[in-house]
Amino acid sequence: MTHFTRTSIVVAAIALTGLAGCASTNKSESTGQYMDDTAITTKVKTAIFNDPALKSAEINVETFKGRVQLSGFVSSRASSDRAVAVAQGVSGVTSVANDMRLK
């Protein structure tokens, strides 16, 4: 093998190894997925804040691979149900886990 061919193979192997480090697993997510989840979280928070029935609610939003988890405190079961419905209406949300508590 020529020196150029050997060098090309080594560079390709290093590049593929580096890209494998960016892949997601069941418990972690790639950089792109993290950015998508951050955007989803922001959209859900904005939608909840802009809903007149939920403005005073203390709702926390976390997203992992499109799955949104709502936690915190709401004043009624209707507010809890409304927050879930609002979150489900946001594009990119695959499912919503309701961990909110009544205060």
PDB file of N, CA and C in Angstrom:
ATOM      1  N   MET A   1       0.844  -1.187   0.000  1.00  0.00           N
ATOM      2  CA  MET A   1       0.000   0.000   0.000  1.00  0.00           C
ATOM      3  C   MET A   1       0.881   1.238   0.000  1.00  0.00           C
ATOM      4  N   THR A   2       0.396   2.232  -0.650  1.00  0.00           N
ATOM      5  CA  THR A   2       1.147   3.477  -0.679  1.00  0.00           C
ATOM      6  C   THR A   2       0.889   4.244   0.605  1.00  0.00           C
ATOM      7  N   HIS A   3       1.740   5.175   0.859  1.00  0.00           N
ATOM      8  CA  HIS A   3       1.611   5.999   2.064  1.00  0.00           C
ATOM      9  C   HIS A   3       0.285   6.774   2.052  1.00  0.00           C
ATOM     10  N   PHE A   4      -0.117   7.265   0.878  1.00  0.00           N
ATOM     11  CA  PHE A   4      -1.374   8.012   0.748  1.00  0.00           C
ATOM     12  C   PHE A   4      -2.575   7.134   1.082  1.00  0.00           C
ATOM     13  N   THR A   5      -2.593   5.896   0.600  1.00  0.00           N
ATOM     14  CA  THR A   5      -3.704   4.980   0.841  1.00  0.00           C
ATOM     15  C   THR A   5      -3.802   4.656   2.332  1.00  0.00           C
ATOM     16  N   ARG A   6      -2.660   4.364   2.953  1.00  0.00           N
ATOM     17  CA  ARG A   6      -2.644   4.052   4.381  1.00  0.00           C
ATOM     18  C   ARG A   6      -3.146   5.244   5.200  1.00  0.00           C
ATOM     19  N   THR A   7      -2.710   6.418   4.873  1.00  0.00           N
ATOM     20  CA  THR A   7      -3.126   7.629   5.573  1.00  0.00           C
ATOM     21  C   THR A   7      -4.626   7.861   5.386  1.00  0.00           C
ATOM     22  N   SER A   8      -5.118   7.644   4.195  1.00  0.00           N
ATOM     23  CA  SER A   8      -6.551   7.812   3.925  1.00  0.00           C
ATOM     24  C   SER A   8      -7.389   6.858   4.758  1.00  0.00           C
ATOM     25  N   ILE A   9      -6.949   5.625   4.884  1.00  0.00           N
ATOM     26  CA  ILE A   9      -7.680   4.637   5.676  1.00  0.00           C
ATOM     27  C   ILE A   9      -7.691   5.034   7.145  1.00  0.00           C
ATOM     28  N   VAL A  10      -6.566   5.484   7.652  1.00  0.00           N
ATOM     29  CA  VAL A  10      -6.493   5.902   9.060  1.00  0.00           C
ATOM     30  C   VAL A  10      -7.404   7.107   9.309  1.00  0.00           C
ATOM     31  N   VAL A  11      -7.375   8.072   8.413  1.00  0.00           N
ATOM     32  CA  VAL A  11      -8.227   9.262   8.564  1.00  0.00           C
ATOM     33  C   VAL A  11      -9.702   8.873   8.512  1.00  0.00           C
ATOM     34  N   ALA A  12     -10.081   7.984   7.599  1.00  0.00           N
ATOM     35  CA  ALA A  12     -11.467   7.532   7.502  1.00  0.00           C
ATOM     36  C   ALA A  12     -11.897   6.803   8.762  1.00  0.00           C
ATOM     37  N   ALA A  13     -11.019   5.964   9.306  1.00  0.00           N
ATOM     38  CA  ALA A  13     -11.342   5.227  10.535  1.00  0.00           C
ATOM     39  C   ALA A  13     -11.550   6.177  11.706  1.00  0.00           C
ATOM     40  N   ILE A  14     -10.714   7.194  11.814  1.00  0.00           N
ATOM     41  CA  ILE A  14     -10.853   8.170  12.899  1.00  0.00           C
ATOM     42  C   ILE A  14     -12.153   8.961  12.741  1.00  0.00           C
ATOM     43  N   ALA A  15     -12.480   9.344  11.519  1.00  0.00           N
ATOM     44  CA  ALA A  15     -13.711  10.091  11.275  1.00  0.00           C
ATOM     45  C   ALA A  15     -14.940   9.265  11.626  1.00  0.00           C
ATOM     46  N   LEU A  16     -14.965   8.002  11.250  1.00  0.00           N
ATOM     47  CA  LEU A  16     -16.109   7.140  11.566  1.00  0.00           C
ATOM     48  C   LEU A  16     -16.236   6.912  13.063  1.00  0.00           C
ATOM     49  N   THR A  17     -15.107   6.769  13.748  1.00  0.00           N
ATOM     50  CA  THR A  17     -15.132   6.602  15.201  1.00  0.00           C
ATOM     51  C   THR A  17     -15.690   7.854  15.868  1.00  0.00           C
ATOM     52  N   GLY A  18     -15.283   9.009  15.374  1.00  0.00           N
ATOM     53  CA  GLY A  18     -15.791  10.263  15.928  1.00  0.00           C
ATOM     54  C   GLY A  18     -17.281  10.434  15.718  1.00  0.00           C
ATOM     55  N   LEU A  19     -17.774  10.029  14.559  1.00  0.00           N
ATOM     56  CA  LEU A  19     -19.207  10.140  14.282  1.00  0.00           C
ATOM     57  C   LEU A  19     -20.017   9.164  15.118  1.00  0.00           C
ATOM     58  N   ALA A  20     -19.458   8.016  15.418  1.00  0.00           N
ATOM     59  CA  ALA A  20     -20.169   7.040  16.251  1.00  0.00           C
ATOM     60  C   ALA A  20     -20.394   7.594  17.650  1.00  0.00           C
ATOM     61  N   GLY A  21     -19.522   8.474  18.106  1.00  0.00           N
ATOM     62  CA  GLY A  21     -19.682   9.094  19.417  1.00  0.00           C
ATOM     63  C   GLY A  21     -20.868  10.037  19.477  1.00  0.00           C
ATOM     64  N   CYS A  22     -21.363  10.494  18.349  1.00  0.00           N
ATOM     65  CA  CYS A  22     -22.504  11.410  18.302  1.00  0.00           C
ATOM     66  C   CYS A  22     -23.842  10.676  18.199  1.00  0.00           C
ATOM     67  N   ALA A  23     -23.802   9.371  18.029  1.00  0.00           N
ATOM     68  CA  ALA A  23     -25.040   8.598  17.880  1.00  0.00           C
ATOM     69  C   ALA A  23     -25.768   8.516  19.211  1.00  0.00           C
ATOM     70  N   SER A  24     -27.083   8.361  19.148  1.00  0.00           N
ATOM     71  CA  SER A  24     -27.871   8.278  20.373  1.00  0.00           C
ATOM     72  C   SER A  24     -28.020   6.834  20.821  1.00  0.00           C
ATOM     73  N   THR A  25     -28.313   6.683  22.109  1.00  0.00           N
ATOM     74  CA  THR A  25     -28.621   5.383  22.691  1.00  0.00           C
ATOM     75  C   THR A  25     -29.949   5.524  23.412  1.00  0.00           C
ATOM     76  N   ASN A  26     -30.390   4.442  24.078  1.00  0.00           N
ATOM     77  CA  ASN A  26     -31.656   4.501  24.808  1.00  0.00           C
ATOM     78  C   ASN A  26     -31.635   5.532  25.932  1.00  0.00           C
ATOM     79  N   LYS A  27     -30.459   5.763  26.535  1.00  0.00           N
ATOM     80  CA  LYS A  27     -30.385   6.648  27.689  1.00  0.00           C
ATOM     81  C   LYS A  27     -29.734   7.988  27.385  1.00  0.00           C
ATOM     82  N   SER A  28     -29.234   8.153  26.183  1.00  0.00           N
ATOM     83  CA  SER A  28     -28.661   9.437  25.803  1.00  0.00           C
ATOM     84  C   SER A  28     -29.162   9.804  24.422  1.00  0.00           C
ATOM     85  N   GLU A  29     -28.932  11.036  24.059  1.00  0.00           N
ATOM     86  CA  GLU A  29     -29.416  11.498  22.769  1.00  0.00           C
ATOM     87  C   GLU A  29     -28.300  12.225  22.042  1.00  0.00           C
ATOM     88  N   SER A  30     -28.398  12.261  20.742  1.00  0.00           N
ATOM     89  CA  SER A  30     -27.397  12.949  19.939  1.00  0.00           C
ATOM     90  C   SER A  30     -27.568  14.454  20.090  1.00  0.00           C
ATOM     91  N   THR A  31     -26.606  15.187  19.589  1.00  0.00           N
ATOM     92  CA  THR A  31     -26.673  16.646  19.657  1.00  0.00           C
ATOM     93  C   THR A  31     -27.905  17.171  18.927  1.00  0.00           C
ATOM     94  N   GLY A  32     -28.206  16.591  17.765  1.00  0.00           N
ATOM     95  CA  GLY A  32     -29.392  17.019  17.014  1.00  0.00           C
ATOM     96  C   GLY A  32     -30.676  16.755  17.772  1.00  0.00           C
ATOM     97  N   GLN A  33     -30.767  15.580  18.404  1.00  0.00           N
ATOM     98  CA  GLN A  33     -31.962  15.267  19.183  1.00  0.00           C
ATOM     99  C   GLN A  33     -32.080  16.202  20.378  1.00  0.00           C
ATOM    100  N   TYR A  34     -30.952  16.527  21.012  1.00  0.00           N
ATOM    101  CA  TYR A  34     -30.971  17.441  22.149  1.00  0.00           C
ATOM    102  C   TYR A  34     -31.512  18.802  21.717  1.00  0.00           C
ATOM    103  N   MET A  35     -31.059  19.274  20.568  1.00  0.00           N
ATOM    104  CA  MET A  35     -31.533  20.564  20.062  1.00  0.00           C
ATOM    105  C   MET A  35     -33.025  20.502  19.732  1.00  0.00           C
ATOM    106  N   ASP A  36     -33.470  19.393  19.142  1.00  0.00           N
ATOM    107  CA  ASP A  36     -34.896  19.219  18.854  1.00  0.00           C
ATOM    108  C   ASP A  36     -35.702  19.233  20.143  1.00  0.00           C
ATOM    109  N   ASP A  37     -35.222  18.518  21.162  1.00  0.00           N
ATOM    110  CA  ASP A  37     -35.930  18.458  22.439  1.00  0.00           C
ATOM    111  C   ASP A  37     -35.964  19.830  23.116  1.00  0.00           C
ATOM    112  N   THR A  38     -34.888  20.585  22.991  1.00  0.00           N
ATOM    113  CA  THR A  38     -34.868  21.938  23.554  1.00  0.00           C
ATOM    114  C   THR A  38     -35.909  22.812  22.875  1.00  0.00           C
ATOM    115  N   ALA A  39     -36.024  22.683  21.562  1.00  0.00           N
ATOM    116  CA  ALA A  39     -37.030  23.461  20.825  1.00  0.00           C
ATOM    117  C   ALA A  39     -38.444  23.045  21.231  1.00  0.00           C
ATOM    118  N   ILE A  40     -38.666  21.741  21.388  1.00  0.00           N
ATOM    119  CA  ILE A  40     -39.983  21.254  21.810  1.00  0.00           C
ATOM    120  C   ILE A  40     -40.317  21.785  23.193  1.00  0.00           C
ATOM    121  N   THR A  41     -39.364  21.722  24.115  1.00  0.00           N
ATOM    122  CA  THR A  41     -39.581  22.221  25.476  1.00  0.00           C
ATOM    123  C   THR A  41     -39.979  23.695  25.440  1.00  0.00           C
ATOM    124  N   THR A  42     -39.278  24.481  24.648  1.00  0.00           N
ATOM    125  CA  THR A  42     -39.576  25.906  24.538  1.00  0.00           C
ATOM    126  C   THR A  42     -40.971  26.130  23.969  1.00  0.00           C
ATOM    127  N   LYS A  43     -41.340  25.373  22.943  1.00  0.00           N
ATOM    128  CA  LYS A  43     -42.669  25.517  22.344  1.00  0.00           C
ATOM    129  C   LYS A  43     -43.768  25.147  23.336  1.00  0.00           C
ATOM    130  N   VAL A  44     -43.563  24.073  24.103  1.00  0.00           N
ATOM    131  CA  VAL A  44     -44.571  23.644  25.087  1.00  0.00           C
ATOM    132  C   VAL A  44     -44.700  24.692  26.186  1.00  0.00           C
ATOM    133  N   LYS A  45     -43.571  25.185  26.700  1.00  0.00           N
ATOM    134  CA  LYS A  45     -43.620  26.219  27.745  1.00  0.00           C
ATOM    135  C   LYS A  45     -44.349  27.460  27.248  1.00  0.00           C
ATOM    136  N   THR A  46     -44.068  27.860  26.019  1.00  0.00           N
ATOM    137  CA  THR A  46     -44.724  29.041  25.443  1.00  0.00           C
ATOM    138  C   THR A  46     -46.220  28.807  25.291  1.00  0.00           C
ATOM    139  N   ALA A  47     -46.588  27.633  24.801  1.00  0.00           N
ATOM    140  CA  ALA A  47     -48.014  27.318  24.618  1.00  0.00           C
ATOM    141  C   ALA A  47     -48.746  27.312  25.957  1.00  0.00           C
ATOM    142  N   ILE A  48     -48.118  26.758  26.979  1.00  0.00           N
ATOM    143  CA  ILE A  48     -48.741  26.729  28.313  1.00  0.00           C
ATOM    144  C   ILE A  48     -48.854  28.147  28.862  1.00  0.00           C
ATOM    145  N   PHE A  49     -47.794  28.937  28.710  1.00  0.00           N
ATOM    146  CA  PHE A  49     -47.818  30.308  29.214  1.00  0.00           C
ATOM    147  C   PHE A  49     -48.877  31.155  28.511  1.00  0.00           C
ATOM    148  N   ASN A  50     -49.056  30.931  27.219  1.00  0.00           N
ATOM    149  CA  ASN A  50     -50.023  31.719  26.447  1.00  0.00           C
ATOM    150  C   ASN A  50     -51.462  31.265  26.630  1.00  0.00           C
ATOM    151  N   ASP A  51     -51.687  30.137  27.283  1.00  0.00           N
ATOM    152  CA  ASP A  51     -53.046  29.667  27.525  1.00  0.00           C
ATOM    153  C   ASP A  51     -53.596  30.389  28.756  1.00  0.00           C
ATOM    154  N   PRO A  52     -54.691  31.137  28.609  1.00  0.00           N
ATOM    155  CA  PRO A  52     -55.227  31.929  29.729  1.00  0.00           C
ATOM    156  C   PRO A  52     -55.574  31.095  30.961  1.00  0.00           C
ATOM    157  N   ALA A  53     -55.999  29.870  30.770  1.00  0.00           N
ATOM    158  CA  ALA A  53     -56.388  29.032  31.907  1.00  0.00           C
ATOM    159  C   ALA A  53     -55.178  28.515  32.684  1.00  0.00           C
ATOM    160  N   LEU A  54     -53.978  28.608  32.111  1.00  0.00           N
ATOM    161  CA  LEU A  54     -52.796  28.019  32.750  1.00  0.00           C
ATOM    162  C   LEU A  54     -51.750  29.042  33.167  1.00  0.00           C
ATOM    163  N   LYS A  55     -52.022  30.316  32.994  1.00  0.00           N
ATOM    164  CA  LYS A  55     -51.016  31.344  33.273  1.00  0.00           C
ATOM    165  C   LYS A  55     -50.481  31.286  34.700  1.00  0.00           C
ATOM    166  N   SER A  56     -51.310  30.982  35.674  1.00  0.00           N
ATOM    167  CA  SER A  56     -50.872  30.997  37.064  1.00  0.00           C
ATOM    168  C   SER A  56     -50.336  29.640  37.526  1.00  0.00           C
ATOM    169  N   ALA A  57     -50.367  28.667  36.673  1.00  0.00           N
ATOM    170  CA  ALA A  57     -49.902  27.333  37.056  1.00  0.00           C
ATOM    171  C   ALA A  57     -48.379  27.292  37.131  1.00  0.00           C
ATOM    172  N   GLU A  58     -47.874  26.453  38.020  1.00  0.00           N
ATOM    173  CA  GLU A  58     -46.433  26.261  38.179  1.00  0.00           C
ATOM    174  C   GLU A  58     -46.068  24.933  37.520  1.00  0.00           C
ATOM    175  N   ILE A  59     -45.906  24.952  36.215  1.00  0.00           N
ATOM    176  CA  ILE A  59     -45.680  23.726  35.453  1.00  0.00           C
ATOM    177  C   ILE A  59     -44.259  23.708  34.910  1.00  0.00           C
ATOM    178  N   ASN A  60     -43.553  22.619  35.187  1.00  0.00           N
ATOM    179  CA  ASN A  60     -42.208  22.409  34.647  1.00  0.00           C
ATOM    180  C   ASN A  60     -42.313  21.476  33.450  1.00  0.00           C
ATOM    181  N   VAL A  61     -41.493  21.724  32.446  1.00  0.00           N
ATOM    182  CA  VAL A  61     -41.520  20.932  31.212  1.00  0.00           C
ATOM    183  C   VAL A  61     -40.125  20.378  30.945  1.00  0.00           C
ATOM    184  N   GLU A  62     -40.046  19.075  30.728  1.00  0.00           N
ATOM    185  CA  GLU A  62     -38.799  18.424  30.320  1.00  0.00           C
ATOM    186  C   GLU A  62     -39.101  17.535  29.127  1.00  0.00           C
ATOM    187  N   THR A  63     -38.155  17.441  28.199  1.00  0.00           N
ATOM    188  CA  THR A  63     -38.361  16.647  26.987  1.00  0.00           C
ATOM    189  C   THR A  63     -37.164  15.745  26.747  1.00  0.00           C
ATOM    190  N   PHE A  64     -37.431  14.487  26.395  1.00  0.00           N
ATOM    191  CA  PHE A  64     -36.390  13.539  26.023  1.00  0.00           C
ATOM    192  C   PHE A  64     -36.886  12.723  24.841  1.00  0.00           C
ATOM    193  N   LYS A  65     -36.242  12.901  23.695  1.00  0.00           N
ATOM    194  CA  LYS A  65     -36.598  12.200  22.463  1.00  0.00           C
ATOM    195  C   LYS A  65     -38.074  12.372  22.109  1.00  0.00           C
ATOM    196  N   GLY A  66     -38.567  13.599  22.252  1.00  0.00           N
ATOM    197  CA  GLY A  66     -39.939  13.909  21.883  1.00  0.00           C
ATOM    198  C   GLY A  66     -40.972  13.614  22.959  1.00  0.00           C
ATOM    199  N   ARG A  67     -40.577  12.937  24.023  1.00  0.00           N
ATOM    200  CA  ARG A  67     -41.495  12.616  25.117  1.00  0.00           C
ATOM    201  C   ARG A  67     -41.443  13.747  26.135  1.00  0.00           C
ATOM    202  N   VAL A  68     -42.578  14.391  26.350  1.00  0.00           N
ATOM    203  CA  VAL A  68     -42.651  15.537  27.246  1.00  0.00           C
ATOM    204  C   VAL A  68     -43.145  15.079  28.614  1.00  0.00           C
ATOM    205  N   GLN A  69     -42.471  15.554  29.660  1.00  0.00           N
ATOM    206  CA  GLN A  69     -42.896  15.276  31.031  1.00  0.00           C
ATOM    207  C   GLN A  69     -43.294  16.595  31.677  1.00  0.00           C
ATOM    208  N   LEU A  70     -44.534  16.653  32.142  1.00  0.00           N
ATOM    209  CA  LEU A  70     -45.045  17.832  32.835  1.00  0.00           C
ATOM    210  C   LEU A  70     -45.052  17.540  34.327  1.00  0.00           C
ATOM    211  N   SER A  71     -44.465  18.431  35.105  1.00  0.00           N
ATOM    212  CA  SER A  71     -44.470  18.278  36.560  1.00  0.00           C
ATOM    213  C   SER A  71     -44.723  19.643  37.171  1.00  0.00           C
ATOM    214  N   GLY A  72     -44.932  19.666  38.460  1.00  0.00           N
ATOM    215  CA  GLY A  72     -45.211  20.918  39.152  1.00  0.00           C
ATOM    216  C   GLY A  72     -46.595  20.897  39.763  1.00  0.00           C
ATOM    217  N   PHE A  73     -47.166  22.084  39.930  1.00  0.00           N
ATOM    218  CA  PHE A  73     -48.427  22.212  40.638  1.00  0.00           C
ATOM    219  C   PHE A  73     -49.473  22.967  39.815  1.00  0.00           C
ATOM    220  N   VAL A  74     -50.695  22.472  39.875  1.00  0.00           N
ATOM    221  CA  VAL A  74     -51.844  23.122  39.246  1.00  0.00           C
ATOM    222  C   VAL A  74     -52.961  23.210  40.276  1.00  0.00           C
ATOM    223  N   SER A  75     -53.913  24.091  40.022  1.00  0.00           N
ATOM    224  CA  SER A  75     -54.975  24.316  41.006  1.00  0.00           C
ATOM    225  C   SER A  75     -56.151  23.353  40.867  1.00  0.00           C
ATOM    226  N   SER A  76     -56.278  22.687  39.706  1.00  0.00           N
ATOM    227  CA  SER A  76     -57.415  21.787  39.525  1.00  0.00           C
ATOM    228  C   SER A  76     -57.083  20.684  38.529  1.00  0.00           C
ATOM    229  N   ARG A  77     -57.916  19.667  38.548  1.00  0.00           N
ATOM    230  CA  ARG A  77     -57.767  18.562  37.591  1.00  0.00           C
ATOM    231  C   ARG A  77     -57.978  19.069  36.160  1.00  0.00           C
ATOM    232  N   ALA A  78     -58.878  20.027  36.011  1.00  0.00           N
ATOM    233  CA  ALA A  78     -59.134  20.606  34.689  1.00  0.00           C
ATOM    234  C   ALA A  78     -57.885  21.309  34.149  1.00  0.00           C
ATOM    235  N   SER A  79     -57.155  22.003  35.015  1.00  0.00           N
ATOM    236  CA  SER A  79     -55.913  22.654  34.594  1.00  0.00           C
ATOM    237  C   SER A  79     -54.870  21.635  34.187  1.00  0.00           C
ATOM    238  N   SER A  80     -54.808  20.543  34.920  1.00  0.00           N
ATOM    239  CA  SER A  80     -53.878  19.467  34.598  1.00  0.00           C
ATOM    240  C   SER A  80     -54.201  18.873  33.226  1.00  0.00           C
ATOM    241  N   ASP A  81     -55.476  18.577  33.010  1.00  0.00           N
ATOM    242  CA  ASP A  81     -55.910  18.024  31.721  1.00  0.00           C
ATOM    243  C   ASP A  81     -55.660  19.008  30.584  1.00  0.00           C
ATOM    244  N   ARG A  82     -55.887  20.292  30.842  1.00  0.00           N
ATOM    245  CA  ARG A  82     -55.679  21.315  29.824  1.00  0.00           C
ATOM    246  C   ARG A  82     -54.194  21.412  29.456  1.00  0.00           C
ATOM    247  N   ALA A  83     -53.311  21.348  30.450  1.00  0.00           N
ATOM    248  CA  ALA A  83     -51.870  21.418  30.189  1.00  0.00           C
ATOM    249  C   ALA A  83     -51.416  20.238  29.328  1.00  0.00           C
ATOM    250  N   VAL A  84     -51.942  19.051  29.597  1.00  0.00           N
ATOM    251  CA  VAL A  84     -51.608  17.868  28.799  1.00  0.00           C
ATOM    252  C   VAL A  84     -52.097  18.066  27.363  1.00  0.00           C
ATOM    253  N   ALA A  85     -53.316  18.565  27.210  1.00  0.00           N
ATOM    254  CA  ALA A  85     -53.864  18.785  25.876  1.00  0.00           C
ATOM    255  C   ALA A  85     -53.048  19.815  25.104  1.00  0.00           C
ATOM    256  N   VAL A  86     -52.626  20.879  25.774  1.00  0.00           N
ATOM    257  CA  VAL A  86     -51.815  21.917  25.123  1.00  0.00           C
ATOM    258  C   VAL A  86     -50.483  21.320  24.684  1.00  0.00           C
ATOM    259  N   ALA A  87     -49.848  20.542  25.551  1.00  0.00           N
ATOM    260  CA  ALA A  87     -48.558  19.931  25.221  1.00  0.00           C
ATOM    261  C   ALA A  87     -48.692  18.964  24.046  1.00  0.00           C
ATOM    262  N   GLN A  88     -49.764  18.190  24.024  1.00  0.00           N
ATOM    263  CA  GLN A  88     -49.971  17.237  22.934  1.00  0.00           C
ATOM    264  C   GLN A  88     -50.178  17.942  21.596  1.00  0.00           C
ATOM    265  N   GLY A  89     -50.623  19.185  21.626  1.00  0.00           N
ATOM    266  CA  GLY A  89     -50.869  19.935  20.404  1.00  0.00           C
ATOM    267  C   GLY A  89     -49.619  20.551  19.792  1.00  0.00           C
ATOM    268  N   VAL A  90     -48.493  20.442  20.474  1.00  0.00           N
ATOM    269  CA  VAL A  90     -47.247  21.027  19.967  1.00  0.00           C
ATOM    270  C   VAL A  90     -46.584  20.045  19.006  1.00  0.00           C
ATOM    271  N   SER A  91     -46.133  20.553  17.861  1.00  0.00           N
ATOM    272  CA  SER A  91     -45.499  19.671  16.877  1.00  0.00           C
ATOM    273  C   SER A  91     -44.186  19.121  17.429  1.00  0.00           C
ATOM    274  N   GLY A  92     -43.951  17.854  17.155  1.00  0.00           N
ATOM    275  CA  GLY A  92     -42.738  17.188  17.630  1.00  0.00           C
ATOM    276  C   GLY A  92     -42.936  16.385  18.895  1.00  0.00           C
ATOM    277  N   VAL A  93     -44.047  16.616  19.597  1.00  0.00           N
ATOM    278  CA  VAL A  93     -44.328  15.886  20.830  1.00  0.00           C
ATOM    279  C   VAL A  93     -44.865  14.503  20.455  1.00  0.00           C
ATOM    280  N   THR A  94     -44.197  13.453  20.951  1.00  0.00           N
ATOM    281  CA  THR A  94     -44.649  12.094  20.664  1.00  0.00           C
ATOM    282  C   THR A  94     -45.555  11.538  21.757  1.00  0.00           C
ATOM    283  N   SER A  95     -45.313  11.960  23.008  1.00  0.00           N
ATOM    284  CA  SER A  95     -46.180  11.551  24.111  1.00  0.00           C
ATOM    285  C   SER A  95     -46.004  12.541  25.262  1.00  0.00           C
ATOM    286  N   VAL A  96     -46.958  12.527  26.188  1.00  0.00           N
ATOM    287  CA  VAL A  96     -46.910  13.437  27.334  1.00  0.00           C
ATOM    288  C   VAL A  96     -47.139  12.632  28.600  1.00  0.00           C
ATOM    289  N   ALA A  97     -46.217  12.781  29.555  1.00  0.00           N
ATOM    290  CA  ALA A  97     -46.347  12.159  30.879  1.00  0.00           C
ATOM    291  C   ALA A  97     -46.799  13.247  31.852  1.00  0.00           C
ATOM    292  N   ASN A  98     -47.875  12.961  32.566  1.00  0.00           N
ATOM    293  CA  ASN A  98     -48.443  13.936  33.487  1.00  0.00           C
ATOM    294  C   ASN A  98     -48.026  13.589  34.912  1.00  0.00           C
ATOM    295  N   ASP A  99     -47.071  14.344  35.443  1.00  0.00           N
ATOM    296  CA  ASP A  99     -46.628  14.165  36.824  1.00  0.00           C
ATOM    297  C   ASP A  99     -46.968  15.390  37.668  1.00  0.00           C
ATOM    298  N   MET A 100     -48.014  16.136  37.264  1.00  0.00           N
ATOM    299  CA  MET A 100     -48.406  17.333  37.991  1.00  0.00           C
ATOM    300  C   MET A 100     -49.211  16.960  39.232  1.00  0.00           C
ATOM    301  N   ARG A 101     -49.140  17.811  40.227  1.00  0.00           N
ATOM    302  CA  ARG A 101     -49.853  17.601  41.488  1.00  0.00           C
ATOM    303  C   ARG A 101     -50.809  18.760  41.726  1.00  0.00           C
ATOM    304  N   LEU A 102     -51.918  18.464  42.391  1.00  0.00           N
ATOM    305  CA  LEU A 102     -52.880  19.510  42.755  1.00  0.00           C
ATOM    306  C   LEU A 102     -52.396  20.201  44.014  1.00  0.00           C
ATOM    307  N   LYS A 103     -52.536  21.545  44.041  1.00  0.00           N
ATOM    308  CA  LYS A 103     -52.139  22.264  45.252  1.00  0.00           C
ATOM    309  C   LYS A 103     -53.338  22.747  46.022  1.00  0.00           C
TER     310      LYS A 103
END
